Amino acid sequence: MVLYDALIEAVIKGDENVVQSEVNKALSEGAEVGSIFTEGLIKGMGVVGGRFGAGDMFLPEGLACACAMHRGLDILTPLLTERSPAMGRVVIGTVAGDIHDIGKRIVSSLLEANAFEVIDLGVDVPSESFVQAVEEHSPDILGMSALLTTTMLNMGNVIKLLKEKGLRDKVKVIVGGASINEEFAKSIGADGYAPEAASAVEWVKKAIEGDHVF
């Protein structure tokens, strides 16, 4: 049985080199790719997310942890991609005025681990760029994140622009973030809301299968 304590701790410390070596070590010991991801990288980021949300960790530290996780994900993603064809395509980003990235990165990574093709637009994404990405990539799902109450209204602006461009019916929209709740999501015309990363992935799976769920 492969243990992931050192990998989890490396993610929490934001140590990219140790993450890389621990992922390679686990692979050499015959660990399952999905297990390394969920039991190592994601568990580590789960601790990071909890500390960040509690105010015990600040943005620079959180971003270092996310970068460390992605160092491991760079190794695992090609192996995950080889394992199965893409289940669907997701465009995701943090809305304009908001630079919070950790939650979105976790969602993106979980989606990739579950065989979705993810186009991550990054943070502080203008509304027009979301719409342009929908036009260019024709995703099944558009995901938007916001942490700040001052930026969450930009989610509604994106949906409004999608309607103006005649694109709203071509993509399902899910929103999330610390400032978001189901009532707000419904008020702006989103198709769904997720309070955390795992539920976001489950919602996307159901949406891809044709279920219109909130």
C-alpha atoms as a PDB file:
ATOM      1  CA  MET A   1       0.000   0.000   0.000  1.00  0.00           C
ATOM      2  CA  VAL A   2       1.392   3.377  -1.082  1.00  0.00           C
ATOM      3  CA  LEU A   3       1.278   6.105   1.576  1.00  0.00           C
ATOM      4  CA  TYR A   4       0.813   9.724   0.584  1.00  0.00           C
ATOM      5  CA  ASP A   5       1.668  11.563   3.824  1.00  0.00           C
ATOM      6  CA  ALA A   6       4.847  13.112   2.384  1.00  0.00           C
ATOM      7  CA  LEU A   7       3.026  14.177  -0.789  1.00  0.00           C
ATOM      8  CA  ILE A   8       0.184  15.747   1.191  1.00  0.00           C
ATOM      9  CA  GLU A   9       2.655  17.624   3.396  1.00  0.00           C
ATOM     10  CA  ALA A  10       4.604  18.848   0.349  1.00  0.00           C
ATOM     11  CA  VAL A  11       1.427  20.277  -1.177  1.00  0.00           C
ATOM     12  CA  ILE A  12       0.565  22.022   2.102  1.00  0.00           C
ATOM     13  CA  LYS A  13       4.076  23.508   2.271  1.00  0.00           C
ATOM     14  CA  GLY A  14       3.987  24.525  -1.409  1.00  0.00           C
ATOM     15  CA  ASP A  15       7.166  22.551  -2.146  1.00  0.00           C
ATOM     16  CA  GLU A  16       7.060  21.854  -5.884  1.00  0.00           C
ATOM     17  CA  ASN A  17      10.239  19.773  -5.983  1.00  0.00           C
ATOM     18  CA  VAL A  18       9.100  17.389  -3.264  1.00  0.00           C
ATOM     19  CA  VAL A  19       5.667  17.082  -4.884  1.00  0.00           C
ATOM     20  CA  GLN A  20       7.328  16.113  -8.144  1.00  0.00           C
ATOM     21  CA  SER A  21       9.590  13.547  -6.519  1.00  0.00           C
ATOM     22  CA  GLU A  22       6.786  12.041  -4.424  1.00  0.00           C
ATOM     23  CA  VAL A  23       4.470  11.692  -7.425  1.00  0.00           C
ATOM     24  CA  ASN A  24       7.216   9.969  -9.420  1.00  0.00           C
ATOM     25  CA  LYS A  25       8.015   7.751  -6.449  1.00  0.00           C
ATOM     26  CA  ALA A  26       4.372   6.700  -6.102  1.00  0.00           C
ATOM     27  CA  LEU A  27       4.177   5.885  -9.812  1.00  0.00           C
ATOM     28  CA  SER A  28       7.354   3.796  -9.588  1.00  0.00           C
ATOM     29  CA  GLU A  29       5.800   1.872  -6.697  1.00  0.00           C
ATOM     30  CA  GLY A  30       2.801   1.004  -8.849  1.00  0.00           C
ATOM     31  CA  ALA A  31       0.233   3.368  -7.360  1.00  0.00           C
ATOM     32  CA  GLU A  32      -2.899   4.114  -9.370  1.00  0.00           C
ATOM     33  CA  VAL A  33      -2.836   7.478 -11.098  1.00  0.00           C
ATOM     34  CA  GLY A  34      -6.271   8.398  -9.770  1.00  0.00           C
ATOM     35  CA  SER A  35      -5.250   7.418  -6.245  1.00  0.00           C
ATOM     36  CA  ILE A  36      -2.165   9.633  -6.322  1.00  0.00           C
ATOM     37  CA  PHE A  37      -4.352  12.501  -7.429  1.00  0.00           C
ATOM     38  CA  THR A  38      -7.237  12.103  -4.982  1.00  0.00           C
ATOM     39  CA  GLU A  39      -5.402  10.679  -1.954  1.00  0.00           C
ATOM     40  CA  GLY A  40      -2.303  12.846  -2.333  1.00  0.00           C
ATOM     41  CA  LEU A  41      -2.713  16.078  -4.285  1.00  0.00           C
ATOM     42  CA  ILE A  42      -6.378  16.758  -3.598  1.00  0.00           C
ATOM     43  CA  LYS A  43      -6.192  15.832   0.082  1.00  0.00           C
ATOM     44  CA  GLY A  44      -3.311  18.258   0.432  1.00  0.00           C
ATOM     45  CA  MET A  45      -5.232  21.012  -1.319  1.00  0.00           C
ATOM     46  CA  GLY A  46      -8.246  20.240   0.845  1.00  0.00           C
ATOM     47  CA  VAL A  47      -6.188  21.178   3.903  1.00  0.00           C
ATOM     48  CA  VAL A  48      -4.953  24.292   2.110  1.00  0.00           C
ATOM     49  CA  GLY A  49      -8.484  25.319   1.188  1.00  0.00           C
ATOM     50  CA  GLY A  50      -9.639  24.898   4.776  1.00  0.00           C
ATOM     51  CA  ARG A  51      -6.793  26.982   6.159  1.00  0.00           C
ATOM     52  CA  PHE A  52      -7.288  29.639   3.492  1.00  0.00           C
ATOM     53  CA  GLY A  53     -11.001  29.869   4.216  1.00  0.00           C
ATOM     54  CA  ALA A  54     -10.325  30.158   7.958  1.00  0.00           C
ATOM     55  CA  GLY A  55      -7.848  32.985   7.423  1.00  0.00           C
ATOM     56  CA  ASP A  56      -4.906  30.877   8.599  1.00  0.00           C
ATOM     57  CA  MET A  57      -3.235  31.050   5.193  1.00  0.00           C
ATOM     58  CA  PHE A  58      -2.890  34.026   2.882  1.00  0.00           C
ATOM     59  CA  LEU A  59      -3.090  34.318  -0.886  1.00  0.00           C
ATOM     60  CA  PRO A  60       0.657  34.091  -1.713  1.00  0.00           C
ATOM     61  CA  GLU A  61       0.956  30.916   0.358  1.00  0.00           C
ATOM     62  CA  GLY A  62      -2.182  29.461  -1.184  1.00  0.00           C
ATOM     63  CA  LEU A  63      -0.967  30.158  -4.691  1.00  0.00           C
ATOM     64  CA  ALA A  64       2.359  28.468  -3.888  1.00  0.00           C
ATOM     65  CA  CYS A  65       0.424  25.392  -2.757  1.00  0.00           C
ATOM     66  CA  ALA A  66      -1.661  25.435  -5.922  1.00  0.00           C
ATOM     67  CA  CYS A  67       1.503  25.672  -8.034  1.00  0.00           C
ATOM     68  CA  ALA A  68       2.982  22.726  -6.147  1.00  0.00           C
ATOM     69  CA  MET A  69      -0.150  20.687  -6.781  1.00  0.00           C
ATOM     70  CA  HIS A  70       0.018  21.536 -10.467  1.00  0.00           C
ATOM     71  CA  ARG A  71       3.634  20.369 -10.619  1.00  0.00           C
ATOM     72  CA  GLY A  72       2.285  16.937  -9.698  1.00  0.00           C
ATOM     73  CA  LEU A  73      -0.700  17.293 -11.964  1.00  0.00           C
ATOM     74  CA  ASP A  74       1.606  18.009 -14.915  1.00  0.00           C
ATOM     75  CA  ILE A  75       2.954  14.485 -14.454  1.00  0.00           C
ATOM     76  CA  LEU A  76      -0.409  12.823 -13.903  1.00  0.00           C
ATOM     77  CA  THR A  77      -2.607  14.586 -16.488  1.00  0.00           C
ATOM     78  CA  PRO A  78      -1.129  12.875 -19.585  1.00  0.00           C
ATOM     79  CA  LEU A  79      -1.624   9.511 -17.869  1.00  0.00           C
ATOM     80  CA  LEU A  80      -5.205  10.400 -16.963  1.00  0.00           C
ATOM     81  CA  THR A  81      -5.861  11.534 -20.523  1.00  0.00           C
ATOM     82  CA  GLU A  82      -4.525   8.275 -21.940  1.00  0.00           C
ATOM     83  CA  ARG A  83      -6.838   6.317 -19.682  1.00  0.00           C
ATOM     84  CA  SER A  84     -10.146   7.431 -21.222  1.00  0.00           C
ATOM     85  CA  PRO A  85     -11.611   9.833 -23.798  1.00  0.00           C
ATOM     86  CA  ALA A  86     -12.871  13.211 -22.645  1.00  0.00           C
ATOM     87  CA  MET A  87     -16.332  13.106 -21.086  1.00  0.00           C
ATOM     88  CA  GLY A  88     -17.032  16.688 -22.071  1.00  0.00           C
ATOM     89  CA  ARG A  89     -15.550  20.163 -22.360  1.00  0.00           C
ATOM     90  CA  VAL A  90     -15.617  22.793 -19.612  1.00  0.00           C
ATOM     91  CA  VAL A  91     -14.597  26.452 -19.772  1.00  0.00           C
ATOM     92  CA  ILE A  92     -13.891  27.857 -16.312  1.00  0.00           C
ATOM     93  CA  GLY A  93     -12.595  31.096 -14.820  1.00  0.00           C
ATOM     94  CA  THR A  94     -12.749  33.612 -11.983  1.00  0.00           C
ATOM     95  CA  VAL A  95     -14.795  36.675 -12.898  1.00  0.00           C
ATOM     96  CA  ALA A  96     -13.526  40.200 -13.532  1.00  0.00           C
ATOM     97  CA  GLY A  97     -12.161  42.033 -10.503  1.00  0.00           C
ATOM     98  CA  ASP A  98     -11.449  38.835  -8.570  1.00  0.00           C
ATOM     99  CA  ILE A  99      -8.012  37.185  -8.402  1.00  0.00           C
ATOM    100  CA  HIS A 100      -8.857  34.266  -6.114  1.00  0.00           C
ATOM    101  CA  ASP A 101      -7.657  31.096  -7.752  1.00  0.00           C
ATOM    102  CA  ILE A 102      -7.390  28.215  -5.293  1.00  0.00           C
ATOM    103  CA  GLY A 103     -10.969  26.920  -5.375  1.00  0.00           C
ATOM    104  CA  LYS A 104     -11.144  27.220  -9.143  1.00  0.00           C
ATOM    105  CA  ARG A 105      -7.871  25.345  -9.547  1.00  0.00           C
ATOM    106  CA  ILE A 106      -9.123  22.514  -7.379  1.00  0.00           C
ATOM    107  CA  VAL A 107     -12.313  22.249  -9.435  1.00  0.00           C
ATOM    108  CA  SER A 108     -10.326  22.321 -12.687  1.00  0.00           C
ATOM    109  CA  SER A 109      -7.993  19.621 -11.448  1.00  0.00           C
ATOM    110  CA  LEU A 110     -10.819  17.392 -10.231  1.00  0.00           C
ATOM    111  CA  LEU A 111     -12.562  17.745 -13.580  1.00  0.00           C
ATOM    112  CA  GLU A 112      -9.368  16.792 -15.416  1.00  0.00           C
ATOM    113  CA  ALA A 113      -8.965  13.797 -13.113  1.00  0.00           C
ATOM    114  CA  ASN A 114     -12.480  12.746 -14.092  1.00  0.00           C
ATOM    115  CA  ALA A 115     -11.606  12.846 -17.817  1.00  0.00           C
ATOM    116  CA  PHE A 116     -13.074  16.244 -18.702  1.00  0.00           C
ATOM    117  CA  GLU A 117     -11.302  18.614 -21.074  1.00  0.00           C
ATOM    118  CA  VAL A 118     -10.844  21.884 -19.167  1.00  0.00           C
ATOM    119  CA  ILE A 119     -10.091  25.303 -20.628  1.00  0.00           C
ATOM    120  CA  ASP A 120      -9.065  27.420 -17.624  1.00  0.00           C
ATOM    121  CA  LEU A 121      -9.241  31.140 -18.417  1.00  0.00           C
ATOM    122  CA  GLY A 122      -7.536  32.094 -15.154  1.00  0.00           C
ATOM    123  CA  VAL A 123      -8.546  34.947 -12.856  1.00  0.00           C
ATOM    124  CA  ASP A 124      -9.922  38.471 -13.325  1.00  0.00           C
ATOM    125  CA  VAL A 125     -11.568  37.340 -16.576  1.00  0.00           C
ATOM    126  CA  PRO A 126     -13.599  40.043 -18.375  1.00  0.00           C
ATOM    127  CA  SER A 127     -17.182  39.121 -19.178  1.00  0.00           C
ATOM    128  CA  GLU A 128     -16.468  39.434 -22.882  1.00  0.00           C
ATOM    129  CA  SER A 129     -13.657  36.881 -22.596  1.00  0.00           C
ATOM    130  CA  PHE A 130     -16.008  34.283 -21.135  1.00  0.00           C
ATOM    131  CA  VAL A 131     -18.373  34.802 -24.045  1.00  0.00           C
ATOM    132  CA  GLN A 132     -15.518  34.674 -26.553  1.00  0.00           C
ATOM    133  CA  ALA A 133     -14.334  31.386 -25.036  1.00  0.00           C
ATOM    134  CA  VAL A 134     -17.830  29.911 -25.376  1.00  0.00           C
ATOM    135  CA  GLU A 135     -17.878  30.968 -29.029  1.00  0.00           C
ATOM    136  CA  GLU A 136     -14.402  29.594 -29.693  1.00  0.00           C
ATOM    137  CA  HIS A 137     -14.471  26.312 -27.763  1.00  0.00           C
ATOM    138  CA  SER A 138     -18.185  25.359 -27.796  1.00  0.00           C
ATOM    139  CA  PRO A 139     -18.033  23.905 -24.268  1.00  0.00           C
ATOM    140  CA  ASP A 140     -20.740  21.793 -22.696  1.00  0.00           C
ATOM    141  CA  ILE A 141     -20.326  23.683 -19.428  1.00  0.00           C
ATOM    142  CA  LEU A 142     -19.282  27.194 -18.407  1.00  0.00           C
ATOM    143  CA  GLY A 143     -18.078  27.517 -14.810  1.00  0.00           C
ATOM    144  CA  MET A 144     -17.589  30.849 -13.064  1.00  0.00           C
ATOM    145  CA  SER A 145     -16.055  31.506  -9.648  1.00  0.00           C
ATOM    146  CA  ALA A 146     -16.110  34.531  -7.343  1.00  0.00           C
ATOM    147  CA  LEU A 147     -14.951  34.980  -3.779  1.00  0.00           C
ATOM    148  CA  LEU A 148     -15.764  38.664  -3.338  1.00  0.00           C
ATOM    149  CA  THR A 149     -19.306  40.001  -2.989  1.00  0.00           C
ATOM    150  CA  THR A 150     -18.193  43.011  -5.018  1.00  0.00           C
ATOM    151  CA  THR A 151     -17.432  40.828  -8.063  1.00  0.00           C
ATOM    152  CA  MET A 152     -20.198  38.222  -7.967  1.00  0.00           C
ATOM    153  CA  LEU A 153     -22.554  40.398 -10.017  1.00  0.00           C
ATOM    154  CA  ASN A 154     -20.183  39.976 -12.960  1.00  0.00           C
ATOM    155  CA  MET A 155     -21.501  36.413 -13.246  1.00  0.00           C
ATOM    156  CA  GLY A 156     -24.874  37.856 -14.168  1.00  0.00           C
ATOM    157  CA  ASN A 157     -23.214  40.127 -16.702  1.00  0.00           C
ATOM    158  CA  VAL A 158     -21.692  37.095 -18.445  1.00  0.00           C
ATOM    159  CA  ILE A 159     -25.056  35.335 -18.644  1.00  0.00           C
ATOM    160  CA  LYS A 160     -26.648  38.517 -19.998  1.00  0.00           C
ATOM    161  CA  LEU A 161     -23.961  38.741 -22.708  1.00  0.00           C
ATOM    162  CA  LEU A 162     -24.458  35.080 -23.607  1.00  0.00           C
ATOM    163  CA  LYS A 163     -28.154  35.799 -24.166  1.00  0.00           C
ATOM    164  CA  GLU A 164     -27.373  38.853 -26.299  1.00  0.00           C
ATOM    165  CA  LYS A 165     -25.040  36.758 -28.463  1.00  0.00           C
ATOM    166  CA  GLY A 166     -27.587  33.946 -28.826  1.00  0.00           C
ATOM    167  CA  LEU A 167     -25.304  31.532 -26.965  1.00  0.00           C
ATOM    168  CA  ARG A 168     -27.126  31.005 -23.689  1.00  0.00           C
ATOM    169  CA  ASP A 169     -29.007  27.901 -24.834  1.00  0.00           C
ATOM    170  CA  LYS A 170     -25.796  26.316 -26.131  1.00  0.00           C
ATOM    171  CA  VAL A 171     -24.044  25.975 -22.764  1.00  0.00           C
ATOM    172  CA  LYS A 172     -24.985  25.143 -19.183  1.00  0.00           C
ATOM    173  CA  VAL A 173     -23.688  27.535 -16.550  1.00  0.00           C
ATOM    174  CA  ILE A 174     -22.561  26.632 -13.037  1.00  0.00           C
ATOM    175  CA  VAL A 175     -21.340  29.178 -10.486  1.00  0.00           C
ATOM    176  CA  GLY A 176     -19.549  28.869  -7.168  1.00  0.00           C
ATOM    177  CA  GLY A 177     -17.333  30.555  -4.620  1.00  0.00           C
ATOM    178  CA  ALA A 178     -17.460  31.686  -1.021  1.00  0.00           C
ATOM    179  CA  SER A 179     -19.824  34.581  -1.750  1.00  0.00           C
ATOM    180  CA  ILE A 180     -22.276  32.523  -3.828  1.00  0.00           C
ATOM    181  CA  ASN A 181     -25.372  30.627  -2.744  1.00  0.00           C
ATOM    182  CA  GLU A 182     -28.156  28.822  -4.566  1.00  0.00           C
ATOM    183  CA  GLU A 183     -30.562  31.740  -4.280  1.00  0.00           C
ATOM    184  CA  PHE A 184     -28.103  34.083  -5.977  1.00  0.00           C
ATOM    185  CA  ALA A 185     -27.309  31.536  -8.687  1.00  0.00           C
ATOM    186  CA  LYS A 186     -30.994  31.215  -9.539  1.00  0.00           C
ATOM    187  CA  SER A 187     -31.463  34.994  -9.501  1.00  0.00           C
ATOM    188  CA  ILE A 188     -28.887  35.526 -12.251  1.00  0.00           C
ATOM    189  CA  GLY A 189     -30.180  32.677 -14.400  1.00  0.00           C
ATOM    190  CA  ALA A 190     -27.437  30.113 -13.829  1.00  0.00           C
ATOM    191  CA  ASP A 191     -28.244  26.437 -14.318  1.00  0.00           C
ATOM    192  CA  GLY A 192     -26.487  25.282 -11.170  1.00  0.00           C
ATOM    193  CA  TYR A 193     -24.490  26.100  -8.071  1.00  0.00           C
ATOM    194  CA  ALA A 194     -21.846  24.156  -6.167  1.00  0.00           C
ATOM    195  CA  PRO A 195     -20.687  24.982  -2.622  1.00  0.00           C
ATOM    196  CA  GLU A 196     -17.391  23.097  -3.033  1.00  0.00           C
ATOM    197  CA  ALA A 197     -15.250  21.254  -5.577  1.00  0.00           C
ATOM    198  CA  ALA A 198     -16.585  17.698  -5.283  1.00  0.00           C
ATOM    199  CA  SER A 199     -20.207  18.771  -5.718  1.00  0.00           C
ATOM    200  CA  ALA A 200     -19.192  20.880  -8.728  1.00  0.00           C
ATOM    201  CA  VAL A 201     -17.782  17.787 -10.438  1.00  0.00           C
ATOM    202  CA  GLU A 202     -20.912  15.771  -9.666  1.00  0.00           C
ATOM    203  CA  TRP A 203     -23.096  18.544 -11.065  1.00  0.00           C
ATOM    204  CA  VAL A 204     -21.036  18.682 -14.253  1.00  0.00           C
ATOM    205  CA  LYS A 205     -21.322  14.911 -14.690  1.00  0.00           C
ATOM    206  CA  LYS A 206     -25.108  15.048 -14.383  1.00  0.00           C
ATOM    207  CA  ALA A 207     -25.344  18.052 -16.687  1.00  0.00           C
ATOM    208  CA  ILE A 208     -23.285  16.293 -19.342  1.00  0.00           C
ATOM    209  CA  GLU A 209     -25.643  13.311 -19.087  1.00  0.00           C
ATOM    210  CA  GLY A 210     -28.554  15.619 -19.823  1.00  0.00           C
ATOM    211  CA  ASP A 211     -29.965  16.218 -16.350  1.00  0.00           C
ATOM    212  CA  HIS A 212     -31.026  19.800 -15.686  1.00  0.00           C
ATOM    213  CA  VAL A 213     -30.299  19.948 -11.982  1.00  0.00           C
ATOM    214  CA  PHE A 214     -29.717  22.706  -9.478  1.00  0.00           C
END
